[in-house]
Protein backbone atom coordinates (compact mmCIF):
# COMPACT_ATOMS: atom_id res chain seq x y z
CA MET A 1 58.79 19.04 17.78
CA PHE A 2 57.96 21.49 15.00
CA ALA A 3 59.63 21.49 11.61
CA GLN A 4 61.84 24.47 10.95
CA PRO A 5 60.52 26.74 8.20
CA LEU A 6 62.51 26.55 5.02
CA MET A 7 64.54 29.55 3.97
CA VAL A 8 63.10 30.68 0.68
CA SER A 9 65.48 32.50 -1.63
CA ALA A 10 64.30 35.70 -3.27
CA GLU A 11 64.72 34.05 -6.66
CA ASN A 12 62.63 31.01 -5.72
CA SER A 13 59.88 33.22 -4.30
CA ILE A 14 59.86 35.31 -7.49
CA LEU A 15 59.78 32.13 -9.61
CA ALA A 16 56.87 30.66 -7.63
CA THR A 17 54.89 33.90 -7.97
CA ALA A 18 55.68 34.18 -11.69
CA THR A 19 54.57 30.57 -12.19
CA LYS A 20 51.28 31.13 -10.38
CA ASP A 21 50.64 34.32 -12.33
CA VAL A 22 51.34 32.67 -15.70
CA LEU A 23 49.08 29.70 -14.93
CA THR A 24 46.35 32.03 -13.63
CA MET A 25 46.22 33.65 -17.08
CA LEU A 26 44.14 30.62 -18.06
CA GLY A 27 41.31 32.12 -16.01
CA GLU A 28 40.43 31.49 -12.39
CA PRO A 29 38.36 28.29 -12.83
CA ALA A 30 40.97 26.67 -15.08
CA ALA A 31 43.82 27.77 -12.81
CA LYS A 32 42.06 26.35 -9.73
CA ALA A 33 41.60 23.03 -11.53
CA LEU A 34 45.23 23.04 -12.67
CA PHE A 35 46.54 23.80 -9.16
CA TRP A 36 44.32 21.00 -7.84
CA GLU A 37 45.76 18.57 -10.43
CA LEU A 38 49.29 19.62 -9.47
CA ARG A 39 48.49 19.04 -5.77
CA LEU A 40 47.25 15.54 -6.67
CA LEU A 41 50.71 14.98 -8.16
CA GLU A 42 52.16 16.28 -4.86
CA ILE A 43 53.47 19.44 -6.53
CA SER A 44 53.22 22.77 -4.75
CA VAL A 45 53.39 26.24 -6.25
CA GLU A 46 53.95 27.82 -2.82
CA PRO A 47 57.41 29.42 -2.40
CA GLU A 48 58.29 27.26 0.63
CA GLU A 49 57.92 24.03 -1.34
CA PHE A 50 58.36 25.24 -4.91
CA ASP A 51 60.46 23.15 -7.29
CA ILE A 52 60.46 24.20 -10.95
CA ILE A 53 61.53 20.72 -12.07
CA LYS A 54 58.50 19.17 -10.35
CA VAL A 55 56.24 21.83 -11.86
CA ASP A 56 57.68 21.13 -15.32
CA THR A 57 57.17 17.39 -14.83
CA GLY A 58 53.60 17.92 -13.60
CA LEU A 59 52.69 20.21 -16.48
CA ARG A 60 54.09 17.66 -18.93
CA LYS A 61 51.95 14.92 -17.34
CA ILE A 62 48.87 17.12 -17.69
CA PHE A 63 49.50 18.84 -21.04
CA GLY A 64 52.12 16.71 -22.78
CA SER A 65 54.50 18.60 -25.04
CA ALA A 66 52.25 21.70 -24.87
CA ALA A 67 53.63 22.23 -21.36
CA GLU A 68 56.68 23.81 -23.00
CA LEU A 69 54.45 26.76 -23.99
CA PHE A 70 53.63 27.40 -20.33
CA MET A 71 57.24 26.90 -19.30
CA GLY A 72 58.38 29.39 -21.94
CA ASP A 73 55.97 31.97 -20.55
CA ILE A 74 57.17 31.21 -17.01
CA TYR A 75 60.79 31.66 -18.12
CA ARG A 76 60.07 35.03 -19.75
CA GLU A 77 58.02 36.27 -16.78
CA PHE A 78 60.69 35.11 -14.31
CA LYS A 79 63.47 36.81 -16.28
CA THR A 80 61.48 40.06 -16.43
CA ARG A 81 60.77 40.01 -12.70
CA LEU A 82 64.41 39.30 -11.83
CA SER A 83 65.34 42.36 -13.86
CA GLU A 84 62.67 44.49 -12.19
CA GLU A 85 63.99 43.45 -8.77
CA GLY A 86 67.54 44.30 -9.81
CA ILE A 87 68.64 40.71 -9.31
CA THR A 88 69.76 40.14 -12.88
CA ASP A 89 70.13 42.11 -16.05
CA ASP A 90 67.20 41.85 -18.48
CA GLU A 91 69.75 41.85 -21.29
CA ILE A 92 70.68 38.30 -20.34
CA GLU A 93 69.08 36.09 -22.93
CA ILE A 94 69.67 32.39 -23.13
CA LYS A 95 69.51 31.95 -26.88
CA ASP A 96 70.21 28.23 -27.04
CA THR A 97 67.05 26.94 -28.71
CA ASN A 98 68.01 23.33 -28.06
CA ILE A 99 67.31 23.50 -24.34
CA SER A 100 63.98 23.52 -22.58
CA ALA A 101 62.50 26.52 -20.81
CA ALA A 102 62.98 24.68 -17.49
CA ASP A 103 66.71 24.38 -18.22
CA LYS A 104 66.85 28.09 -19.08
CA ILE A 105 65.22 28.85 -15.72
CA LEU A 106 67.76 26.64 -13.96
CA ARG A 107 70.56 28.54 -15.68
CA LEU A 108 69.12 31.81 -14.34
CA LEU A 109 69.01 30.28 -10.85
CA ALA A 110 72.57 28.95 -11.02
CA PRO A 111 75.11 30.79 -8.86
CA LYS A 112 77.01 33.34 -10.87
CA ALA A 113 80.79 33.14 -11.06
CA THR A 114 82.54 36.17 -9.63
CA THR A 115 85.83 37.56 -10.83
């Protein structure tokens, strides 16, 4: 029996792509090494298996507190791409400086209340 493919939301696919693009800014050799390290931690950056919490945890294991710099870039890139796709308004800015970039991303992913 074959496993059913997972349904990947548009938002999760955009987030996975934004994450890969941000980490690739390190340069191809460094990005390849980083993706390899993440795979060793059983963390995937492919949309079908992507989990931003696992990525955040993995980056923190690799880079320590400096991982927040990467996560901040991922948050900004994700927010921009959501706006470009018409999924959310670019004017939305989570200004709470006491929460991590991963938590800001989760807030963007949270279902919106309708009135």
